[in-house]
Amino acid sequence: MRFEIIAAFAIGALLPVLETARRGISHWMVNFTTMFEDYLGGALLLAGAWAAYRSKSWGAVLLVLAWASVTGLMTSSFLGQLEETLRQTASEPNNLLVVVVKFVLWSVAVVSLVLSFRAATRTKSA
C-alpha cells in the first residue's frame, strides 16, 4: 500500500482524536469551527484513503482533494502556532509539543499531497 494511503488512514483517524484530546469535547460549544474542520478533514482523508485503496475510479481524485484540504488546514494551523510561539504569546501549556506535532502533521500532509497528485496524474494518463 502506498505511503499517502496509509498516512490518510492514520491521520484521518488522528486529526479528530488529537483535537479532542487537546481541547476537550466541550470545545464544540466554544468554537464549533475549529473542531468541525478537524473532524471534516479526518473524514475526507478516511474516505479518500478507502476509495484509493479499493481502486475506485474517483478514489485518486478524492485522495488529492482530501490531502489538499488537510494541507491547507495544517499550513494555517502550524504557521499560526509557530507565530504565537515566536512572539511568545502562546497560552498553550505544552506549546513546544503542539508545534512539533503540527509540524510533523503538516510535513506528512505536504508529502502525501505531492504523492497522491503524482499517482492521480499517472492513473489518468495511463
Protein backbone atom coordinates (compact mmCIF):
# COMPACT_ATOMS: atom_id res chain seq x y z
CA MET A 1 0.00 0.00 0.00
CA ARG A 2 1.28 3.47 -0.90
CA PHE A 3 2.52 5.91 1.75
CA GLU A 4 -0.16 8.54 1.07
CA ILE A 5 -2.95 5.99 1.55
CA ILE A 6 -1.50 4.65 4.82
CA ALA A 7 -0.94 8.23 6.02
CA ALA A 8 -4.53 9.15 5.08
CA PHE A 9 -5.92 6.30 7.17
CA ALA A 10 -3.66 7.20 10.12
CA ILE A 11 -4.05 10.99 10.05
CA GLY A 12 -7.72 10.73 9.14
CA ALA A 13 -8.27 8.91 12.44
CA LEU A 14 -5.78 11.02 14.39
CA LEU A 15 -6.98 14.53 13.47
CA PRO A 16 -10.26 14.44 15.39
CA VAL A 17 -8.73 12.42 18.23
CA LEU A 18 -5.82 14.84 18.70
CA GLU A 19 -8.06 17.92 18.51
CA THR A 20 -10.49 16.46 21.03
CA ALA A 21 -7.66 15.39 23.36
CA ARG A 22 -6.07 18.84 23.11
CA ARG A 23 -9.19 20.96 23.63
CA GLY A 24 -11.78 18.62 25.13
CA ILE A 25 -15.15 17.59 23.72
CA SER A 26 -16.81 20.61 25.31
CA HIS A 27 -14.86 22.88 22.93
CA TRP A 28 -17.55 22.13 20.33
CA MET A 29 -19.72 24.62 22.25
CA VAL A 30 -16.91 27.21 22.48
CA ASN A 31 -15.53 27.14 18.94
CA PHE A 32 -17.50 24.88 16.62
CA THR A 33 -15.47 25.78 13.51
CA THR A 34 -12.12 24.75 15.00
CA MET A 35 -13.41 21.33 15.96
CA PHE A 36 -15.51 20.82 12.81
CA GLU A 37 -12.65 21.44 10.38
CA ASP A 38 -10.51 18.75 12.01
CA TYR A 39 -13.37 16.26 12.00
CA LEU A 40 -14.21 17.10 8.38
CA GLY A 41 -10.55 16.83 7.35
CA GLY A 42 -10.31 13.45 9.06
CA ALA A 43 -13.48 12.22 7.35
CA LEU A 44 -12.23 13.39 3.93
CA LEU A 45 -8.91 11.60 4.45
CA LEU A 46 -10.62 8.38 5.54
CA ALA A 47 -13.00 8.49 2.56
CA GLY A 48 -10.15 9.25 0.14
CA ALA A 49 -7.95 6.53 1.60
CA TRP A 50 -10.74 3.97 1.41
CA ALA A 51 -11.61 4.90 -2.19
CA ALA A 52 -7.96 4.86 -3.30
CA TYR A 53 -7.30 1.57 -1.51
CA ARG A 54 -10.35 -0.01 -3.18
CA SER A 55 -9.20 1.38 -6.56
CA LYS A 56 -12.43 3.27 -7.17
CA SER A 57 -12.35 5.29 -10.39
CA TRP A 58 -12.72 8.52 -8.40
CA GLY A 59 -10.51 7.41 -5.50
CA ALA A 60 -7.28 9.06 -6.64
CA VAL A 61 -9.01 12.40 -7.20
CA LEU A 62 -10.78 12.26 -3.83
CA LEU A 63 -7.47 11.50 -2.12
CA VAL A 64 -5.85 14.54 -3.78
CA LEU A 65 -8.81 16.68 -2.69
CA ALA A 66 -8.57 15.37 0.87
CA TRP A 67 -4.81 15.95 1.10
CA ALA A 68 -5.13 19.43 -0.43
CA SER A 69 -7.77 20.33 2.13
CA VAL A 70 -5.80 18.96 5.08
CA THR A 71 -2.57 20.54 3.83
CA GLY A 72 -4.29 23.94 3.79
CA LEU A 73 -5.76 23.30 7.23
CA MET A 74 -2.40 22.24 8.66
CA THR A 75 -0.50 25.08 6.99
CA SER A 76 -2.61 27.76 8.65
CA SER A 77 -2.68 25.88 11.95
CA PHE A 78 1.06 25.20 12.05
CA LEU A 79 2.09 28.70 10.95
CA GLY A 80 -0.33 30.30 13.43
CA GLN A 81 1.05 28.19 16.27
CA LEU A 82 4.63 28.92 15.21
CA GLU A 83 3.94 32.67 15.07
CA GLU A 84 2.43 32.61 18.57
CA THR A 85 5.49 30.72 19.79
CA LEU A 86 7.96 33.13 18.20
CA ARG A 87 6.05 36.15 19.53
CA GLN A 88 5.80 34.43 22.93
CA THR A 89 2.04 34.92 23.03
CA ALA A 90 1.13 31.22 23.10
CA SER A 91 -1.08 30.28 26.03
CA GLU A 92 -0.76 26.55 25.35
CA PRO A 93 0.66 24.63 28.37
CA ASN A 94 2.56 22.17 26.11
CA ASN A 95 3.23 24.66 23.33
CA LEU A 96 6.50 23.19 22.07
CA LEU A 97 4.96 19.73 21.82
CA VAL A 98 1.99 21.17 19.90
CA VAL A 99 4.37 22.94 17.47
CA VAL A 100 6.34 19.73 16.87
CA VAL A 101 3.20 17.61 16.35
CA LYS A 102 1.71 20.21 13.98
CA PHE A 103 4.99 20.33 12.05
CA VAL A 104 5.02 16.55 11.65
CA LEU A 105 1.36 16.52 10.54
CA TRP A 106 2.00 19.37 8.11
CA SER A 107 5.09 17.62 6.67
CA VAL A 108 3.22 14.36 6.14
CA ALA A 109 0.34 16.27 4.54
CA VAL A 110 2.62 18.08 2.07
CA VAL A 111 4.48 14.92 1.09
CA SER A 112 1.22 12.96 0.78
CA LEU A 113 -0.36 15.70 -1.34
CA VAL A 114 2.54 15.53 -3.79
CA LEU A 115 2.50 11.73 -3.88
CA SER A 116 -1.26 11.50 -4.30
CA PHE A 117 -1.19 14.11 -7.08
CA ARG A 118 1.53 12.16 -8.89
CA ALA A 119 -0.46 8.94 -8.54
CA ALA A 120 -3.66 10.60 -9.79
CA THR A 121 -1.98 12.10 -12.84
CA ARG A 122 -0.26 8.79 -13.62
CA THR A 123 -3.62 6.99 -13.42
CA LYS A 124 -5.36 9.49 -15.70
CA SER A 125 -2.65 9.49 -18.39
CA ALA A 126 -2.25 5.71 -18.49
